[in-house]
Amino acid sequence: MPNLATILKDEIARISRKECRRLVDPLKKQVAAQRQDIASLKRERDSLKREVAALNKALNKPGNKAVAAKPQAESEGRHRFSAAGLRTLRKKLGVSAEEFGKLIGASGQSVYNWEQEKARPRQALLQQIAALRGIGKRQAQKLLEAG
């Protein structure tokens, strides 16, 4: 006759396996679904990469000069503005707010207001400011003397 302890142990193991299976099976299904989603996203990413590469290749063809030049022309007209950046540029050039205003075609008070973040320069003036980023102190002084 089997031992009562052995029967009890076997029954506990059977019930434990059954309970574990009940808890793990939904998780297995969820993991399988997520793996399918990941695989489909990877396929979509790869197709988009191929599409972008084909578009870049088409843009870089010698006959497409107008298409390639268009984004560059659009970005030329747009400049970001930062009051701290303007202040730093003016100090780098070693000019006062009044002198900086003369360089870009604005008043010294306007430059002061821009630096204090009380106002923002118009787009045309932003282009003038951007043009001054590439010059040094000597060139700025020459421009002031000439103008």
C-alpha atoms as a PDB file:
ATOM      1  CA  MET A   1       0.000   0.000   0.000  1.00  0.00           C
ATOM      2  CA  PRO A   2       1.380   3.430  -0.958  1.00  0.00           C
ATOM      3  CA  ASN A   3       2.551   5.736   1.724  1.00  0.00           C
ATOM      4  CA  LEU A   4       0.146   8.560   2.609  1.00  0.00           C
ATOM      5  CA  ALA A   5       2.997  11.110   2.507  1.00  0.00           C
ATOM      6  CA  THR A   6       3.895  10.069  -1.061  1.00  0.00           C
ATOM      7  CA  ILE A   7       0.287  10.370  -2.232  1.00  0.00           C
ATOM      8  CA  LEU A   8      -0.043  13.769  -0.600  1.00  0.00           C
ATOM      9  CA  LYS A   9       3.247  14.936  -2.129  1.00  0.00           C
ATOM     10  CA  ASP A  10       2.209  13.805  -5.628  1.00  0.00           C
ATOM     11  CA  GLU A  11      -1.172  15.510  -5.313  1.00  0.00           C
ATOM     12  CA  ILE A  12       0.410  18.776  -4.170  1.00  0.00           C
ATOM     13  CA  ALA A  13       2.873  18.660  -7.093  1.00  0.00           C
ATOM     14  CA  ARG A  14       0.014  18.002  -9.554  1.00  0.00           C
ATOM     15  CA  ILE A  15      -2.074  20.883  -8.224  1.00  0.00           C
ATOM     16  CA  SER A  16       0.987  23.200  -8.229  1.00  0.00           C
ATOM     17  CA  ARG A  17       1.730  22.376 -11.881  1.00  0.00           C
ATOM     18  CA  LYS A  18      -1.906  22.965 -12.782  1.00  0.00           C
ATOM     19  CA  GLU A  19      -1.957  26.350 -11.007  1.00  0.00           C
ATOM     20  CA  CYS A  20       1.350  27.430 -12.585  1.00  0.00           C
ATOM     21  CA  ARG A  21       0.065  26.474 -16.033  1.00  0.00           C
ATOM     22  CA  ARG A  22      -3.119  28.477 -15.400  1.00  0.00           C
ATOM     23  CA  LEU A  23      -1.031  31.569 -14.569  1.00  0.00           C
ATOM     24  CA  VAL A  24       1.687  31.172 -17.235  1.00  0.00           C
ATOM     25  CA  ASP A  25      -0.424  30.306 -20.303  1.00  0.00           C
ATOM     26  CA  PRO A  26      -1.956  33.799 -20.711  1.00  0.00           C
ATOM     27  CA  LEU A  27       1.516  35.296 -20.360  1.00  0.00           C
ATOM     28  CA  LYS A  28       2.832  32.989 -23.068  1.00  0.00           C
ATOM     29  CA  LYS A  29       0.050  34.131 -25.391  1.00  0.00           C
ATOM     30  CA  GLN A  30       0.804  37.764 -24.585  1.00  0.00           C
ATOM     31  CA  VAL A  31       4.515  37.299 -25.278  1.00  0.00           C
ATOM     32  CA  ALA A  32       3.757  35.588 -28.597  1.00  0.00           C
ATOM     33  CA  ALA A  33       1.487  38.473 -29.629  1.00  0.00           C
ATOM     34  CA  GLN A  34       4.129  41.032 -28.666  1.00  0.00           C
ATOM     35  CA  ARG A  35       6.772  39.160 -30.650  1.00  0.00           C
ATOM     36  CA  GLN A  36       4.497  39.261 -33.686  1.00  0.00           C
ATOM     37  CA  ASP A  37       3.994  42.999 -33.211  1.00  0.00           C
ATOM     38  CA  ILE A  38       7.738  43.549 -32.913  1.00  0.00           C
ATOM     39  CA  ALA A  39       8.375  41.529 -36.065  1.00  0.00           C
ATOM     40  CA  SER A  40       5.803  43.526 -38.023  1.00  0.00           C
ATOM     41  CA  LEU A  41       7.276  46.811 -36.745  1.00  0.00           C
ATOM     42  CA  LYS A  42      10.748  45.675 -37.808  1.00  0.00           C
ATOM     43  CA  ARG A  43       9.442  44.827 -41.272  1.00  0.00           C
ATOM     44  CA  GLU A  44       7.767  48.220 -41.509  1.00  0.00           C
ATOM     45  CA  ARG A  45      10.951  49.981 -40.335  1.00  0.00           C
ATOM     46  CA  ASP A  46      13.022  48.131 -42.919  1.00  0.00           C
ATOM     47  CA  SER A  47      10.620  49.041 -45.728  1.00  0.00           C
ATOM     48  CA  LEU A  48      10.676  52.694 -44.634  1.00  0.00           C
ATOM     49  CA  LYS A  49      14.484  52.641 -44.577  1.00  0.00           C
ATOM     50  CA  ARG A  50      14.514  51.300 -48.131  1.00  0.00           C
ATOM     51  CA  GLU A  51      12.027  53.966 -49.171  1.00  0.00           C
ATOM     52  CA  VAL A  52      14.118  56.756 -47.629  1.00  0.00           C
ATOM     53  CA  ALA A  53      17.254  55.415 -49.275  1.00  0.00           C
ATOM     54  CA  ALA A  54      15.494  55.350 -52.651  1.00  0.00           C
ATOM     55  CA  LEU A  55      14.266  58.923 -52.179  1.00  0.00           C
ATOM     56  CA  ASN A  56      17.735  60.112 -51.163  1.00  0.00           C
ATOM     57  CA  LYS A  57      19.180  58.394 -54.199  1.00  0.00           C
ATOM     58  CA  ALA A  58      16.613  60.096 -56.438  1.00  0.00           C
ATOM     59  CA  LEU A  59      17.366  63.485 -54.861  1.00  0.00           C
ATOM     60  CA  ASN A  60      21.104  63.135 -55.336  1.00  0.00           C
ATOM     61  CA  LYS A  61      20.870  62.361 -59.049  1.00  0.00           C
ATOM     62  CA  PRO A  62      22.672  64.968 -61.205  1.00  0.00           C
ATOM     63  CA  GLY A  63      19.444  65.952 -63.002  1.00  0.00           C
ATOM     64  CA  ASN A  64      17.673  66.949 -59.778  1.00  0.00           C
ATOM     65  CA  LYS A  65      19.614  70.098 -58.898  1.00  0.00           C
ATOM     66  CA  ALA A  66      16.476  72.182 -58.393  1.00  0.00           C
ATOM     67  CA  VAL A  67      14.944  69.656 -56.004  1.00  0.00           C
ATOM     68  CA  ALA A  68      18.146  69.356 -53.986  1.00  0.00           C
ATOM     69  CA  ALA A  69      18.587  73.140 -53.772  1.00  0.00           C
ATOM     70  CA  LYS A  70      15.035  73.827 -52.602  1.00  0.00           C
ATOM     71  CA  PRO A  71      15.337  72.699 -48.942  1.00  0.00           C
ATOM     72  CA  GLN A  72      18.576  74.624 -48.619  1.00  0.00           C
ATOM     73  CA  ALA A  73      16.940  77.825 -49.865  1.00  0.00           C
ATOM     74  CA  GLU A  74      14.044  77.411 -47.435  1.00  0.00           C
ATOM     75  CA  SER A  75      16.313  76.963 -44.437  1.00  0.00           C
ATOM     76  CA  GLU A  76      18.418  79.973 -45.474  1.00  0.00           C
ATOM     77  CA  GLY A  77      15.645  82.408 -44.578  1.00  0.00           C
ATOM     78  CA  ARG A  78      14.891  81.018 -41.119  1.00  0.00           C
ATOM     79  CA  HIS A  79      17.146  81.818 -38.180  1.00  0.00           C
ATOM     80  CA  ARG A  80      16.685  81.142 -34.496  1.00  0.00           C
ATOM     81  CA  PHE A  81      16.972  83.972 -32.022  1.00  0.00           C
ATOM     82  CA  SER A  82      18.339  83.966 -28.507  1.00  0.00           C
ATOM     83  CA  ALA A  83      18.778  87.079 -26.392  1.00  0.00           C
ATOM     84  CA  ALA A  84      21.800  85.557 -24.660  1.00  0.00           C
ATOM     85  CA  GLY A  85      23.289  84.644 -28.040  1.00  0.00           C
ATOM     86  CA  LEU A  86      22.823  88.212 -29.288  1.00  0.00           C
ATOM     87  CA  ARG A  87      24.472  89.588 -26.161  1.00  0.00           C
ATOM     88  CA  THR A  88      27.374  87.161 -26.566  1.00  0.00           C
ATOM     89  CA  LEU A  89      27.806  88.082 -30.245  1.00  0.00           C
ATOM     90  CA  ARG A  90      27.805  91.791 -29.454  1.00  0.00           C
ATOM     91  CA  LYS A  91      30.411  91.331 -26.722  1.00  0.00           C
ATOM     92  CA  LYS A  92      32.504  89.104 -28.989  1.00  0.00           C
ATOM     93  CA  LEU A  93      32.550  91.880 -31.579  1.00  0.00           C
ATOM     94  CA  GLY A  94      33.394  94.405 -28.865  1.00  0.00           C
ATOM     95  CA  VAL A  95      30.691  96.895 -29.827  1.00  0.00           C
ATOM     96  CA  SER A  96      28.008  98.734 -27.893  1.00  0.00           C
ATOM     97  CA  ALA A  97      24.306  98.207 -28.468  1.00  0.00           C
ATOM     98  CA  GLU A  98      24.210 101.457 -30.485  1.00  0.00           C
ATOM     99  CA  GLU A  99      27.127 100.365 -32.685  1.00  0.00           C
ATOM    100  CA  PHE A 100      25.627  96.893 -33.142  1.00  0.00           C
ATOM    101  CA  GLY A 101      22.382  98.535 -34.221  1.00  0.00           C
ATOM    102  CA  LYS A 102      24.267 100.529 -36.855  1.00  0.00           C
ATOM    103  CA  LEU A 103      25.870  97.330 -38.161  1.00  0.00           C
ATOM    104  CA  ILE A 104      22.525  95.644 -38.759  1.00  0.00           C
ATOM    105  CA  GLY A 105      20.394  98.685 -39.578  1.00  0.00           C
ATOM    106  CA  ALA A 106      18.468  99.060 -36.317  1.00  0.00           C
ATOM    107  CA  SER A 107      18.531 101.409 -33.361  1.00  0.00           C
ATOM    108  CA  GLY A 108      20.564 100.843 -30.237  1.00  0.00           C
ATOM    109  CA  GLN A 109      17.359 100.846 -28.193  1.00  0.00           C
ATOM    110  CA  SER A 110      16.009  97.981 -30.298  1.00  0.00           C
ATOM    111  CA  VAL A 111      19.167  95.974 -29.673  1.00  0.00           C
ATOM    112  CA  TYR A 112      18.861  96.677 -25.949  1.00  0.00           C
ATOM    113  CA  ASN A 113      15.205  95.536 -25.965  1.00  0.00           C
ATOM    114  CA  TRP A 114      16.136  92.332 -27.814  1.00  0.00           C
ATOM    115  CA  GLU A 115      18.836  91.567 -25.264  1.00  0.00           C
ATOM    116  CA  GLN A 116      16.407  92.190 -22.402  1.00  0.00           C
ATOM    117  CA  GLU A 117      13.842  89.910 -24.124  1.00  0.00           C
ATOM    118  CA  LYS A 118      11.320  92.746 -24.302  1.00  0.00           C
ATOM    119  CA  ALA A 119      11.059  92.338 -28.073  1.00  0.00           C
ATOM    120  CA  ARG A 120      12.205  90.105 -30.940  1.00  0.00           C
ATOM    121  CA  PRO A 121      13.893  91.218 -34.159  1.00  0.00           C
ATOM    122  CA  ARG A 122      12.072  90.858 -37.467  1.00  0.00           C
ATOM    123  CA  GLN A 123      13.144  88.104 -39.863  1.00  0.00           C
ATOM    124  CA  ALA A 124      15.106  90.519 -42.086  1.00  0.00           C
ATOM    125  CA  LEU A 125      17.104  91.705 -39.092  1.00  0.00           C
ATOM    126  CA  LEU A 126      17.664  88.126 -37.968  1.00  0.00           C
ATOM    127  CA  GLN A 127      19.364  87.541 -41.311  1.00  0.00           C
ATOM    128  CA  GLN A 128      21.578  90.597 -40.713  1.00  0.00           C
ATOM    129  CA  ILE A 129      22.473  89.308 -37.245  1.00  0.00           C
ATOM    130  CA  ALA A 130      23.271  85.871 -38.665  1.00  0.00           C
ATOM    131  CA  ALA A 131      25.553  87.497 -41.245  1.00  0.00           C
ATOM    132  CA  LEU A 132      27.517  89.155 -38.420  1.00  0.00           C
ATOM    133  CA  ARG A 133      28.223  85.810 -36.743  1.00  0.00           C
ATOM    134  CA  GLY A 134      31.018  85.103 -39.176  1.00  0.00           C
ATOM    135  CA  ILE A 135      33.029  88.293 -38.690  1.00  0.00           C
ATOM    136  CA  GLY A 136      35.568  89.322 -36.072  1.00  0.00           C
ATOM    137  CA  LYS A 137      36.282  92.504 -34.096  1.00  0.00           C
ATOM    138  CA  ARG A 138      38.475  94.074 -36.774  1.00  0.00           C
ATOM    139  CA  GLN A 139      35.946  93.516 -39.521  1.00  0.00           C
ATOM    140  CA  ALA A 140      33.196  94.946 -37.315  1.00  0.00           C
ATOM    141  CA  GLN A 141      35.262  98.074 -36.645  1.00  0.00           C
ATOM    142  CA  LYS A 142      35.970  98.480 -40.370  1.00  0.00           C
ATOM    143  CA  LEU A 143      32.257  98.201 -41.133  1.00  0.00           C
ATOM    144  CA  LEU A 144      31.462 100.824 -38.489  1.00  0.00           C
ATOM    145  CA  GLU A 145      34.112 103.189 -39.862  1.00  0.00           C
ATOM    146  CA  ALA A 146      32.934 102.690 -43.433  1.00  0.00           C
ATOM    147  CA  GLY A 147      29.226 103.012 -42.622  1.00  0.00           C
END
